[in-house]
C-alpha atoms as a PDB file:
ATOM      1  CA  UNK A   1    -111.108 -18.640 129.938  1.00  0.00           C
ATOM      2  CA  UNK A   2    -107.496 -19.396 129.000  1.00  0.00           C
ATOM      3  CA  UNK A   3    -107.649 -22.821 130.641  1.00  0.00           C
ATOM      4  CA  UNK A   4    -110.896 -23.549 128.792  1.00  0.00           C
ATOM      5  CA  UNK A   5    -109.246 -22.738 125.439  1.00  0.00           C
ATOM      6  CA  UNK A   6    -106.300 -24.941 126.333  1.00  0.00           C
ATOM      7  CA  UNK A   7    -108.641 -27.835 127.074  1.00  0.00           C
ATOM      8  CA  UNK A   8    -110.461 -27.344 123.774  1.00  0.00           C
ATOM      9  CA  UNK A   9    -107.162 -27.209 121.915  1.00  0.00           C
ATOM     10  CA  UNK A  10    -105.938 -30.351 123.646  1.00  0.00           C
ATOM     11  CA  UNK A  11    -109.150 -32.218 122.831  1.00  0.00           C
ATOM     12  CA  UNK A  12    -108.962 -31.077 119.208  1.00  0.00           C
ATOM     13  CA  UNK A  13    -105.389 -32.349 118.884  1.00  0.00           C
ATOM     14  CA  UNK A  14    -106.354 -35.605 120.588  1.00  0.00           C
ATOM     15  CA  UNK A  15    -109.318 -35.995 118.252  1.00  0.00           C
ATOM     16  CA  UNK A  16    -107.132 -35.479 115.184  1.00  0.00           C
ATOM     17  CA  UNK A  17    -104.593 -37.992 116.523  1.00  0.00           C
ATOM     18  CA  UNK A  18    -107.334 -40.589 117.013  1.00  0.00           C
ATOM     19  CA  UNK A  19    -108.749 -39.867 113.538  1.00  0.00           C
ATOM     20  CA  UNK A  20    -105.407 -40.296 111.798  1.00  0.00           C
ATOM     21  CA  UNK A  21    -104.603 -43.358 113.895  1.00  0.00           C
ATOM     22  CA  UNK A  22    -107.696 -45.129 112.564  1.00  0.00           C
ATOM     23  CA  UNK A  23    -106.787 -44.009 109.038  1.00  0.00           C
ATOM     24  CA  UNK A  24    -103.258 -45.339 109.396  1.00  0.00           C
ATOM     25  CA  UNK A  25    -101.838 -47.864 106.898  1.00  0.00           C
ATOM     26  CA  UNK A  26    -101.124 -50.926 109.078  1.00  0.00           C
ATOM     27  CA  UNK A  27     -99.922 -54.315 107.913  1.00  0.00           C
ATOM     28  CA  UNK A  28    -100.464 -57.668 109.591  1.00  0.00           C
ATOM     29  CA  UNK A  29     -97.614 -59.196 107.581  1.00  0.00           C
ATOM     30  CA  UNK A  30     -94.226 -57.554 108.018  1.00  0.00           C
ATOM     31  CA  UNK A  31     -91.100 -58.155 105.968  1.00  0.00           C
ATOM     32  CA  UNK A  32     -87.705 -57.550 107.562  1.00  0.00           C
ATOM     33  CA  UNK A  33     -84.497 -56.278 106.101  1.00  0.00           C
ATOM     34  CA  UNK A  34     -81.172 -54.821 107.260  1.00  0.00           C
ATOM     35  CA  UNK A  35     -78.910 -51.905 106.460  1.00  0.00           C
ATOM     36  CA  UNK A  36     -75.279 -52.812 105.815  1.00  0.00           C
ATOM     37  CA  UNK A  37     -72.293 -50.464 105.767  1.00  0.00           C
ATOM     38  CA  UNK A  38     -68.807 -51.768 104.873  1.00  0.00           C
ATOM     39  CA  UNK A  39     -67.196 -48.864 106.730  1.00  0.00           C
ATOM     40  CA  UNK A  40     -69.132 -49.672 109.911  1.00  0.00           C
ATOM     41  CA  UNK A  41     -68.024 -53.294 109.687  1.00  0.00           C
ATOM     42  CA  UNK A  42     -64.435 -52.131 109.199  1.00  0.00           C
ATOM     43  CA  UNK A  43     -64.770 -49.783 112.183  1.00  0.00           C
ATOM     44  CA  UNK A  44     -65.742 -52.802 114.296  1.00  0.00           C
ATOM     45  CA  UNK A  45     -62.565 -54.583 113.212  1.00  0.00           C
ATOM     46  CA  UNK A  46     -64.307 -56.968 110.828  1.00  0.00           C
ATOM     47  CA  UNK A  47     -63.567 -58.245 107.349  1.00  0.00           C
ATOM     48  CA  UNK A  48     -66.550 -56.489 105.779  1.00  0.00           C
ATOM     49  CA  UNK A  49     -66.812 -58.802 102.773  1.00  0.00           C
ATOM     50  CA  UNK A  50     -66.853 -61.876 104.977  1.00  0.00           C
ATOM     51  CA  UNK A  51     -69.407 -60.265 107.303  1.00  0.00           C
ATOM     52  CA  UNK A  52     -71.633 -59.217 104.415  1.00  0.00           C
ATOM     53  CA  UNK A  53     -71.601 -62.615 102.772  1.00  0.00           C
ATOM     54  CA  UNK A  54     -72.478 -64.250 106.093  1.00  0.00           C
ATOM     55  CA  UNK A  55     -75.384 -61.832 106.526  1.00  0.00           C
ATOM     56  CA  UNK A  56     -76.781 -62.850 103.151  1.00  0.00           C
ATOM     57  CA  UNK A  57     -76.030 -66.552 103.507  1.00  0.00           C
ATOM     58  CA  UNK A  58     -77.156 -67.158 107.068  1.00  0.00           C
ATOM     59  CA  UNK A  59     -79.684 -64.443 107.912  1.00  0.00           C
ATOM     60  CA  UNK A  60     -81.216 -64.394 104.422  1.00  0.00           C
ATOM     61  CA  UNK A  61     -82.810 -60.932 104.635  1.00  0.00           C
ATOM     62  CA  UNK A  62     -85.460 -60.290 101.991  1.00  0.00           C
ATOM     63  CA  UNK A  63     -84.516 -56.635 101.838  1.00  0.00           C
ATOM     64  CA  UNK A  64     -81.273 -54.725 102.171  1.00  0.00           C
ATOM     65  CA  UNK A  65     -80.223 -51.081 102.273  1.00  0.00           C
ATOM     66  CA  UNK A  66     -76.694 -50.148 101.190  1.00  0.00           C
ATOM     67  CA  UNK A  67     -74.954 -46.822 100.734  1.00  0.00           C
ATOM     68  CA  UNK A  68     -73.290 -45.307  97.675  1.00  0.00           C
ATOM     69  CA  UNK A  69     -71.069 -43.062  99.785  1.00  0.00           C
ATOM     70  CA  UNK A  70     -69.901 -40.099  97.760  1.00  0.00           C
ATOM     71  CA  UNK A  71     -66.300 -40.276  99.015  1.00  0.00           C
ATOM     72  CA  UNK A  72     -66.108 -43.967  98.075  1.00  0.00           C
ATOM     73  CA  UNK A  73     -67.871 -43.585  94.738  1.00  0.00           C
ATOM     74  CA  UNK A  74     -65.922 -40.504  93.568  1.00  0.00           C
ATOM     75  CA  UNK A  75     -62.692 -40.328  95.584  1.00  0.00           C
ATOM     76  CA  UNK A  76     -61.092 -38.190  92.871  1.00  0.00           C
ATOM     77  CA  UNK A  77     -63.062 -35.529  91.060  1.00  0.00           C
ATOM     78  CA  UNK A  78     -64.549 -36.940  87.871  1.00  0.00           C
ATOM     79  CA  UNK A  79     -63.158 -40.444  88.503  1.00  0.00           C
ATOM     80  CA  UNK A  80     -65.747 -42.949  89.692  1.00  0.00           C
ATOM     81  CA  UNK A  81     -65.161 -46.230  91.466  1.00  0.00           C
ATOM     82  CA  UNK A  82     -68.040 -48.705  91.762  1.00  0.00           C
ATOM     83  CA  UNK A  83     -65.974 -51.669  92.928  1.00  0.00           C
ATOM     84  CA  UNK A  84     -67.470 -51.767  96.429  1.00  0.00           C
ATOM     85  CA  UNK A  85     -71.050 -51.320  95.251  1.00  0.00           C
ATOM     86  CA  UNK A  86     -70.574 -53.847  92.463  1.00  0.00           C
ATOM     87  CA  UNK A  87     -69.557 -56.443  95.037  1.00  0.00           C
ATOM     88  CA  UNK A  88     -72.474 -55.644  97.336  1.00  0.00           C
ATOM     89  CA  UNK A  89     -75.078 -55.714  94.575  1.00  0.00           C
ATOM     90  CA  UNK A  90     -73.702 -58.800  92.860  1.00  0.00           C
ATOM     91  CA  UNK A  91     -73.866 -60.802  96.086  1.00  0.00           C
ATOM     92  CA  UNK A  92     -77.354 -59.491  96.828  1.00  0.00           C
ATOM     93  CA  UNK A  93     -78.602 -60.488  93.383  1.00  0.00           C
ATOM     94  CA  UNK A  94     -77.215 -64.015  93.798  1.00  0.00           C
ATOM     95  CA  UNK A  95     -79.143 -64.296  97.058  1.00  0.00           C
ATOM     96  CA  UNK A  96     -82.302 -62.772  95.541  1.00  0.00           C
ATOM     97  CA  UNK A  97     -82.203 -59.932  98.060  1.00  0.00           C
ATOM     98  CA  UNK A  98     -83.911 -56.707  96.990  1.00  0.00           C
ATOM     99  CA  UNK A  99     -81.864 -53.579  97.606  1.00  0.00           C
ATOM    100  CA  UNK A 100     -82.356 -49.899  98.374  1.00  0.00           C
ATOM    101  CA  UNK A 101     -79.295 -47.926  97.253  1.00  0.00           C
ATOM    102  CA  UNK A 102     -78.765 -44.615  99.044  1.00  0.00           C
ATOM    103  CA  UNK A 103     -77.329 -41.686  97.119  1.00  0.00           C
ATOM    104  CA  UNK A 104     -76.693 -38.120  98.236  1.00  0.00           C
ATOM    105  CA  UNK A 105     -74.538 -36.145 100.595  1.00  0.00           C
ATOM    106  CA  UNK A 106     -76.205 -37.174 103.875  1.00  0.00           C
ATOM    107  CA  UNK A 107     -76.115 -40.932 104.279  1.00  0.00           C
ATOM    108  CA  UNK A 108     -76.464 -43.460 107.093  1.00  0.00           C
ATOM    109  CA  UNK A 109     -73.604 -43.873 109.589  1.00  0.00           C
ATOM    110  CA  UNK A 110     -71.364 -41.326 111.209  1.00  0.00           C
ATOM    111  CA  UNK A 111     -70.332 -38.656 110.298  1.00  0.00           C
ATOM    112  CA  UNK A 112     -73.601 -38.557 108.255  1.00  0.00           C
ATOM    113  CA  UNK A 113     -72.120 -36.387 105.486  1.00  0.00           C
ATOM    114  CA  UNK A 114     -69.627 -38.390 103.437  1.00  0.00           C
ATOM    115  CA  UNK A 115     -68.025 -35.758 101.215  1.00  0.00           C
ATOM    116  CA  UNK A 116     -64.840 -36.559  99.321  1.00  0.00           C
ATOM    117  CA  UNK A 117     -61.975 -34.339 100.426  1.00  0.00           C
ATOM    118  CA  UNK A 118     -61.711 -32.586  97.092  1.00  0.00           C
ATOM    119  CA  UNK A 119     -65.248 -31.224  97.243  1.00  0.00           C
ATOM    120  CA  UNK A 120     -64.479 -29.263 100.416  1.00  0.00           C
ATOM    121  CA  UNK A 121     -62.357 -26.793  98.443  1.00  0.00           C
ATOM    122  CA  UNK A 122     -65.301 -25.792  96.222  1.00  0.00           C
ATOM    123  CA  UNK A 123     -67.909 -23.098  96.769  1.00  0.00           C
ATOM    124  CA  UNK A 124     -71.456 -24.214  97.578  1.00  0.00           C
ATOM    125  CA  UNK A 125     -72.768 -23.780  94.027  1.00  0.00           C
ATOM    126  CA  UNK A 126     -69.980 -25.940  92.607  1.00  0.00           C
ATOM    127  CA  UNK A 127     -70.458 -28.504  95.376  1.00  0.00           C
ATOM    128  CA  UNK A 128     -74.141 -28.861  94.501  1.00  0.00           C
ATOM    129  CA  UNK A 129     -73.353 -29.264  90.811  1.00  0.00           C
ATOM    130  CA  UNK A 130     -70.804 -31.976  91.589  1.00  0.00           C
ATOM    131  CA  UNK A 131     -73.265 -33.696  93.921  1.00  0.00           C
ATOM    132  CA  UNK A 132     -75.877 -33.927  91.171  1.00  0.00           C
ATOM    133  CA  UNK A 133     -73.238 -35.221  88.772  1.00  0.00           C
ATOM    134  CA  UNK A 134     -72.222 -37.989  91.175  1.00  0.00           C
ATOM    135  CA  UNK A 135     -75.873 -39.004  91.655  1.00  0.00           C
ATOM    136  CA  UNK A 136     -76.397 -39.064  87.895  1.00  0.00           C
ATOM    137  CA  UNK A 137     -73.349 -41.231  87.272  1.00  0.00           C
ATOM    138  CA  UNK A 138     -74.335 -43.648  90.037  1.00  0.00           C
ATOM    139  CA  UNK A 139     -77.941 -44.056  88.904  1.00  0.00           C
ATOM    140  CA  UNK A 140     -76.923 -44.489  85.266  1.00  0.00           C
ATOM    141  CA  UNK A 141     -74.291 -47.057  86.215  1.00  0.00           C
ATOM    142  CA  UNK A 142     -76.914 -49.215  87.966  1.00  0.00           C
ATOM    143  CA  UNK A 143     -79.971 -48.362  85.904  1.00  0.00           C
ATOM    144  CA  UNK A 144     -80.290 -51.937  84.646  1.00  0.00           C
ATOM    145  CA  UNK A 145     -79.240 -53.693  87.842  1.00  0.00           C
ATOM    146  CA  UNK A 146     -81.935 -56.204  88.775  1.00  0.00           C
ATOM    147  CA  UNK A 147     -81.144 -56.295  92.504  1.00  0.00           C
ATOM    148  CA  UNK A 148     -82.136 -52.669  93.082  1.00  0.00           C
ATOM    149  CA  UNK A 149     -85.797 -52.181  93.983  1.00  0.00           C
ATOM    150  CA  UNK A 150     -85.600 -48.465  94.833  1.00  0.00           C
ATOM    151  CA  UNK A 151     -83.311 -45.504  95.361  1.00  0.00           C
ATOM    152  CA  UNK A 152     -83.077 -43.512  98.559  1.00  0.00           C
ATOM    153  CA  UNK A 153     -82.178 -39.875  97.984  1.00  0.00           C
ATOM    154  CA  UNK A 154     -80.360 -38.337 100.968  1.00  0.00           C
ATOM    155  CA  UNK A 155     -80.853 -39.519 104.545  1.00  0.00           C
ATOM    156  CA  UNK A 156     -82.915 -37.316 106.872  1.00  0.00           C
ATOM    157  CA  UNK A 157     -82.079 -34.290 104.675  1.00  0.00           C
ATOM    158  CA  UNK A 158     -83.737 -31.675 106.894  1.00  0.00           C
ATOM    159  CA  UNK A 159     -82.613 -33.137 110.221  1.00  0.00           C
ATOM    160  CA  UNK A 160     -79.580 -31.295 111.682  1.00  0.00           C
ATOM    161  CA  UNK A 161     -77.323 -34.121 112.754  1.00  0.00           C
ATOM    162  CA  UNK A 162     -73.770 -35.161 112.034  1.00  0.00           C
ATOM    163  CA  UNK A 163     -70.206 -33.863 112.063  1.00  0.00           C
ATOM    164  CA  UNK A 164     -69.863 -30.774 109.837  1.00  0.00           C
ATOM    165  CA  UNK A 165     -73.031 -31.968 108.117  1.00  0.00           C
ATOM    166  CA  UNK A 166     -75.506 -29.195 107.306  1.00  0.00           C
ATOM    167  CA  UNK A 167     -79.088 -29.845 106.309  1.00  0.00           C
ATOM    168  CA  UNK A 168     -79.898 -30.072 102.602  1.00  0.00           C
ATOM    169  CA  UNK A 169     -81.806 -27.166 101.070  1.00  0.00           C
ATOM    170  CA  UNK A 170     -85.361 -27.907  99.916  1.00  0.00           C
ATOM    171  CA  UNK A 171     -84.529 -26.815  96.385  1.00  0.00           C
ATOM    172  CA  UNK A 172     -81.459 -29.050  96.112  1.00  0.00           C
ATOM    173  CA  UNK A 173     -83.319 -31.994  97.620  1.00  0.00           C
ATOM    174  CA  UNK A 174     -86.073 -31.659  95.035  1.00  0.00           C
ATOM    175  CA  UNK A 175     -83.488 -31.443  92.254  1.00  0.00           C
ATOM    176  CA  UNK A 176     -81.863 -34.672  93.454  1.00  0.00           C
ATOM    177  CA  UNK A 177     -85.192 -36.495  93.524  1.00  0.00           C
ATOM    178  CA  UNK A 178     -86.262 -35.177  90.126  1.00  0.00           C
ATOM    179  CA  UNK A 179     -82.916 -36.158  88.606  1.00  0.00           C
ATOM    180  CA  UNK A 180     -83.113 -39.687  89.999  1.00  0.00           C
ATOM    181  CA  UNK A 181     -86.663 -40.138  88.703  1.00  0.00           C
ATOM    182  CA  UNK A 182     -85.760 -38.784  85.305  1.00  0.00           C
ATOM    183  CA  UNK A 183     -82.928 -41.300  84.973  1.00  0.00           C
ATOM    184  CA  UNK A 184     -84.709 -44.373  86.359  1.00  0.00           C
ATOM    185  CA  UNK A 185     -88.326 -45.405  86.839  1.00  0.00           C
ATOM    186  CA  UNK A 186     -87.845 -47.214  90.142  1.00  0.00           C
ATOM    187  CA  UNK A 187     -89.374 -45.652  93.271  1.00  0.00           C
ATOM    188  CA  UNK A 188     -87.545 -43.053  95.363  1.00  0.00           C
ATOM    189  CA  UNK A 189     -87.390 -43.380  99.151  1.00  0.00           C
ATOM    190  CA  UNK A 190     -87.129 -40.305 101.370  1.00  0.00           C
ATOM    191  CA  UNK A 191     -86.473 -40.477 105.111  1.00  0.00           C
ATOM    192  CA  UNK A 192     -86.773 -38.445 108.272  1.00  0.00           C
ATOM    193  CA  UNK A 193     -86.145 -38.865 111.973  1.00  0.00           C
ATOM    194  CA  UNK A 194     -89.076 -40.784 113.370  1.00  0.00           C
ATOM    195  CA  UNK A 195     -88.572 -39.238 116.768  1.00  0.00           C
ATOM    196  CA  UNK A 196     -87.718 -35.585 116.071  1.00  0.00           C
ATOM    197  CA  UNK A 197     -88.391 -34.969 112.368  1.00  0.00           C
ATOM    198  CA  UNK A 198     -91.303 -33.005 110.918  1.00  0.00           C
ATOM    199  CA  UNK A 199     -91.983 -35.715 108.263  1.00  0.00           C
ATOM    200  CA  UNK A 200     -94.315 -33.719 106.012  1.00  0.00           C
ATOM    201  CA  UNK A 201     -91.724 -31.366 104.422  1.00  0.00           C
ATOM    202  CA  UNK A 202     -89.592 -34.374 103.527  1.00  0.00           C
ATOM    203  CA  UNK A 203     -92.544 -36.380 102.206  1.00  0.00           C
ATOM    204  CA  UNK A 204     -93.779 -33.535 100.030  1.00  0.00           C
ATOM    205  CA  UNK A 205     -90.447 -33.140  98.228  1.00  0.00           C
ATOM    206  CA  UNK A 206     -91.440 -35.734  95.629  1.00  0.00           C
ATOM    207  CA  UNK A 207     -90.550 -39.159  96.990  1.00  0.00           C
ATOM    208  CA  UNK A 208     -92.666 -42.274  96.489  1.00  0.00           C
ATOM    209  CA  UNK A 209     -91.883 -44.070  99.759  1.00  0.00           C
ATOM    210  CA  UNK A 210     -91.383 -42.514 103.186  1.00  0.00           C
ATOM    211  CA  UNK A 211     -89.044 -44.098 105.727  1.00  0.00           C
ATOM    212  CA  UNK A 212     -88.948 -43.223 109.422  1.00  0.00           C
ATOM    213  CA  UNK A 213     -86.277 -44.125 111.934  1.00  0.00           C
ATOM    214  CA  UNK A 214     -87.288 -45.998 115.090  1.00  0.00           C
ATOM    215  CA  UNK A 215     -84.824 -45.403 117.893  1.00  0.00           C
ATOM    216  CA  UNK A 216     -85.846 -46.304 121.420  1.00  0.00           C
ATOM    217  CA  UNK A 217     -82.855 -45.317 123.572  1.00  0.00           C
ATOM    218  CA  UNK A 218     -80.174 -42.804 122.612  1.00  0.00           C
ATOM    219  CA  UNK A 219     -77.362 -40.905 124.285  1.00  0.00           C
ATOM    220  CA  UNK A 220     -77.728 -37.147 124.631  1.00  0.00           C
ATOM    221  CA  UNK A 221     -74.307 -35.475 124.771  1.00  0.00           C
ATOM    222  CA  UNK A 222     -75.864 -32.287 126.138  1.00  0.00           C
ATOM    223  CA  UNK A 223     -77.324 -34.131 129.132  1.00  0.00           C
ATOM    224  CA  UNK A 224     -74.552 -36.758 129.282  1.00  0.00           C
ATOM    225  CA  UNK A 225     -77.019 -39.563 129.799  1.00  0.00           C
ATOM    226  CA  UNK A 226     -79.176 -42.057 127.934  1.00  0.00           C
ATOM    227  CA  UNK A 227     -82.767 -41.153 127.184  1.00  0.00           C
ATOM    228  CA  UNK A 228     -85.599 -43.462 126.171  1.00  0.00           C
ATOM    229  CA  UNK A 229     -88.097 -41.853 123.822  1.00  0.00           C
ATOM    230  CA  UNK A 230     -91.583 -41.885 125.387  1.00  0.00           C
ATOM    231  CA  UNK A 231     -93.296 -42.315 122.021  1.00  0.00           C
ATOM    232  CA  UNK A 232     -96.075 -44.918 121.740  1.00  0.00           C
ATOM    233  CA  UNK A 233     -95.926 -47.024 118.573  1.00  0.00           C
ATOM    234  CA  UNK A 234     -99.364 -45.771 117.498  1.00  0.00           C
ATOM    235  CA  UNK A 235     -97.871 -42.293 116.995  1.00  0.00           C
ATOM    236  CA  UNK A 236     -95.970 -43.654 113.980  1.00  0.00           C
ATOM    237  CA  UNK A 237     -99.212 -45.007 112.535  1.00  0.00           C
ATOM    238  CA  UNK A 238    -101.064 -41.732 113.083  1.00  0.00           C
ATOM    239  CA  UNK A 239     -98.271 -39.622 111.599  1.00  0.00           C
ATOM    240  CA  UNK A 240     -98.081 -41.916 108.574  1.00  0.00           C
ATOM    241  CA  UNK A 241    -101.800 -41.424 107.982  1.00  0.00           C
ATOM    242  CA  UNK A 242    -101.419 -37.655 108.246  1.00  0.00           C
ATOM    243  CA  UNK A 243     -98.496 -37.620 105.813  1.00  0.00           C
ATOM    244  CA  UNK A 244    -100.371 -39.850 103.380  1.00  0.00           C
ATOM    245  CA  UNK A 245    -103.303 -37.431 103.460  1.00  0.00           C
ATOM    246  CA  UNK A 246    -101.231 -34.316 102.761  1.00  0.00           C
ATOM    247  CA  UNK A 247     -98.559 -35.671 100.410  1.00  0.00           C
ATOM    248  CA  UNK A 248     -98.218 -37.966  97.433  1.00  0.00           C
ATOM    249  CA  UNK A 249     -96.564 -40.707  99.476  1.00  0.00           C
ATOM    250  CA  UNK A 250     -98.551 -43.939  99.773  1.00  0.00           C
ATOM    251  CA  UNK A 251     -96.005 -46.399 101.193  1.00  0.00           C
ATOM    252  CA  UNK A 252     -94.269 -46.198 104.569  1.00  0.00           C
ATOM    253  CA  UNK A 253     -91.346 -48.196 105.934  1.00  0.00           C
ATOM    254  CA  UNK A 254     -89.280 -48.382 109.082  1.00  0.00           C
ATOM    255  CA  UNK A 255     -85.978 -47.214 107.642  1.00  0.00           C
ATOM    256  CA  UNK A 256     -83.833 -47.755 110.742  1.00  0.00           C
ATOM    257  CA  UNK A 257     -85.144 -49.914 113.581  1.00  0.00           C
ATOM    258  CA  UNK A 258     -82.663 -49.755 116.447  1.00  0.00           C
ATOM    259  CA  UNK A 259     -81.050 -53.139 117.044  1.00  0.00           C
ATOM    260  CA  UNK A 260     -77.586 -52.127 118.270  1.00  0.00           C
ATOM    261  CA  UNK A 261     -76.321 -50.066 121.215  1.00  0.00           C
ATOM    262  CA  UNK A 262     -76.183 -46.301 120.808  1.00  0.00           C
ATOM    263  CA  UNK A 263     -72.539 -45.671 121.636  1.00  0.00           C
ATOM    264  CA  UNK A 264     -71.711 -42.657 123.798  1.00  0.00           C
ATOM    265  CA  UNK A 265     -68.116 -42.826 122.564  1.00  0.00           C
ATOM    266  CA  UNK A 266     -65.872 -45.148 120.592  1.00  0.00           C
ATOM    267  CA  UNK A 267     -66.608 -48.842 120.871  1.00  0.00           C
ATOM    268  CA  UNK A 268     -63.168 -49.456 122.388  1.00  0.00           C
ATOM    269  CA  UNK A 269     -64.126 -47.229 125.328  1.00  0.00           C
ATOM    270  CA  UNK A 270     -67.278 -49.225 126.155  1.00  0.00           C
ATOM    271  CA  UNK A 271     -67.011 -52.601 127.833  1.00  0.00           C
ATOM    272  CA  UNK A 272     -68.764 -55.591 126.359  1.00  0.00           C
ATOM    273  CA  UNK A 273     -70.843 -55.867 129.515  1.00  0.00           C
ATOM    274  CA  UNK A 274     -72.081 -52.312 129.028  1.00  0.00           C
ATOM    275  CA  UNK A 275     -72.796 -52.943 125.348  1.00  0.00           C
ATOM    276  CA  UNK A 276     -74.953 -55.922 126.326  1.00  0.00           C
ATOM    277  CA  UNK A 277     -76.850 -53.788 128.816  1.00  0.00           C
ATOM    278  CA  UNK A 278     -77.677 -51.324 126.045  1.00  0.00           C
ATOM    279  CA  UNK A 279     -78.717 -53.975 123.509  1.00  0.00           C
ATOM    280  CA  UNK A 280     -79.484 -57.623 124.103  1.00  0.00           C
ATOM    281  CA  UNK A 281     -81.952 -60.257 122.918  1.00  0.00           C
ATOM    282  CA  UNK A 282     -84.649 -59.024 125.315  1.00  0.00           C
ATOM    283  CA  UNK A 283     -84.404 -55.401 124.168  1.00  0.00           C
ATOM    284  CA  UNK A 284     -84.173 -56.581 120.570  1.00  0.00           C
ATOM    285  CA  UNK A 285     -87.468 -58.450 120.902  1.00  0.00           C
ATOM    286  CA  UNK A 286     -89.142 -55.430 122.522  1.00  0.00           C
ATOM    287  CA  UNK A 287     -88.047 -53.255 119.608  1.00  0.00           C
ATOM    288  CA  UNK A 288     -89.361 -55.824 117.145  1.00  0.00           C
ATOM    289  CA  UNK A 289     -92.730 -55.806 118.896  1.00  0.00           C
ATOM    290  CA  UNK A 290     -92.699 -52.011 118.845  1.00  0.00           C
ATOM    291  CA  UNK A 291     -92.220 -52.058 115.069  1.00  0.00           C
ATOM    292  CA  UNK A 292     -95.010 -54.598 114.692  1.00  0.00           C
ATOM    293  CA  UNK A 293     -97.321 -52.277 116.620  1.00  0.00           C
ATOM    294  CA  UNK A 294     -96.387 -49.339 114.384  1.00  0.00           C
ATOM    295  CA  UNK A 295     -97.649 -51.463 111.502  1.00  0.00           C
ATOM    296  CA  UNK A 296     -95.290 -50.608 108.645  1.00  0.00           C
ATOM    297  CA  UNK A 297     -95.171 -53.436 106.117  1.00  0.00           C
ATOM    298  CA  UNK A 298     -91.383 -53.354 105.842  1.00  0.00           C
ATOM    299  CA  UNK A 299     -88.679 -52.626 108.426  1.00  0.00           C
ATOM    300  CA  UNK A 300     -84.911 -52.358 108.023  1.00  0.00           C
ATOM    301  CA  UNK A 301     -83.029 -53.311 111.186  1.00  0.00           C
ATOM    302  CA  UNK A 302     -80.085 -51.168 112.211  1.00  0.00           C
ATOM    303  CA  UNK A 303     -77.006 -52.895 113.563  1.00  0.00           C
ATOM    304  CA  UNK A 304     -76.342 -56.079 111.620  1.00  0.00           C
ATOM    305  CA  UNK A 305     -72.598 -55.314 111.635  1.00  0.00           C
ATOM    306  CA  UNK A 306     -72.679 -55.253 115.447  1.00  0.00           C
ATOM    307  CA  UNK A 307     -74.548 -58.566 115.594  1.00  0.00           C
ATOM    308  CA  UNK A 308     -71.738 -60.130 113.554  1.00  0.00           C
ATOM    309  CA  UNK A 309     -69.167 -58.442 115.801  1.00  0.00           C
ATOM    310  CA  UNK A 310     -70.956 -59.863 118.874  1.00  0.00           C
ATOM    311  CA  UNK A 311     -71.030 -63.320 117.338  1.00  0.00           C
ATOM    312  CA  UNK A 312     -67.455 -63.490 116.065  1.00  0.00           C
ATOM    313  CA  UNK A 313     -65.524 -61.214 118.436  1.00  0.00           C
ATOM    314  CA  UNK A 314     -67.468 -61.692 121.678  1.00  0.00           C
ATOM    315  CA  UNK A 315     -68.884 -65.195 121.247  1.00  0.00           C
ATOM    316  CA  UNK A 316     -72.475 -63.995 121.709  1.00  0.00           C
ATOM    317  CA  UNK A 317     -74.828 -64.906 118.871  1.00  0.00           C
ATOM    318  CA  UNK A 318     -78.100 -64.297 120.747  1.00  0.00           C
ATOM    319  CA  UNK A 319     -79.242 -61.346 118.650  1.00  0.00           C
ATOM    320  CA  UNK A 320     -77.960 -62.967 115.460  1.00  0.00           C
ATOM    321  CA  UNK A 321     -80.137 -65.994 116.168  1.00  0.00           C
ATOM    322  CA  UNK A 322     -83.137 -63.848 117.167  1.00  0.00           C
ATOM    323  CA  UNK A 323     -82.824 -61.901 113.912  1.00  0.00           C
ATOM    324  CA  UNK A 324     -82.464 -65.120 111.925  1.00  0.00           C
ATOM    325  CA  UNK A 325     -85.866 -66.273 113.181  1.00  0.00           C
ATOM    326  CA  UNK A 326     -87.748 -63.155 112.146  1.00  0.00           C
ATOM    327  CA  UNK A 327     -86.104 -62.951 108.710  1.00  0.00           C
ATOM    328  CA  UNK A 328     -88.006 -66.043 107.589  1.00  0.00           C
ATOM    329  CA  UNK A 329     -91.448 -64.595 108.397  1.00  0.00           C
END
């Protein structure tokens, strides 16, 4: 009897998966973009301004995601610095590249939470108030900027990942989204781990666009080995259809498509040969095809700083050239 119930349950789940797969929003034409982080470029030993300008000039991405890191934007309490963001957005506008600007405490790139030092001395209530104030000042500063096509509020807010980086409470997350929408009419992007996230709680917090990560091979510290996620691309399509049915979100994007090695330590501790084993033109193309199969109309590739590092520091421009080809689609 128990085995019979298990079979029925399995068939029911399979049936729902097939139903949502056929309901999935799939696109035959895909636009490609990149995420760019000045601090990641600096970590790789690059001149980040030179790298960024070369990304825009040579790769010509249609879409770009950049981060308004809290510790960069408000290094001193109540004193805001938009110099870095001004440079990034000005160059993007000149190249007619449309930009997602990420605001919030949890943002792309390690250590995930990018708190200014001064905020760490405050209690949680005061920290939240200061966080909302920083978001308000940032959105107001760029409210009329023509390069920005949307705001991303937090990055994987409910996913426990990062160094001393707790998840964001549902109430605070909603407040951040509501504040951003009240200040500016442009859409709000919310994101979750495509591999391990629940998706629906994040989508139902009030965002307009949902972004999922797409990582294929990662390093698990607990197991001390690399693991490839055994997730078929159609799962992304089916989950998107489910989320669309039970939330107000209508648009889905690939927020981070893996196109760089997942480092198990510092880059200086990993040989170039090993880096190329973990990410090369062949793997890059497989990941691109995976994203095509998932069917999201827009995908942001993760690792453009490393492509530039490979090209300029290691003399290997294979991924740079492969990315250049797909950017013109």
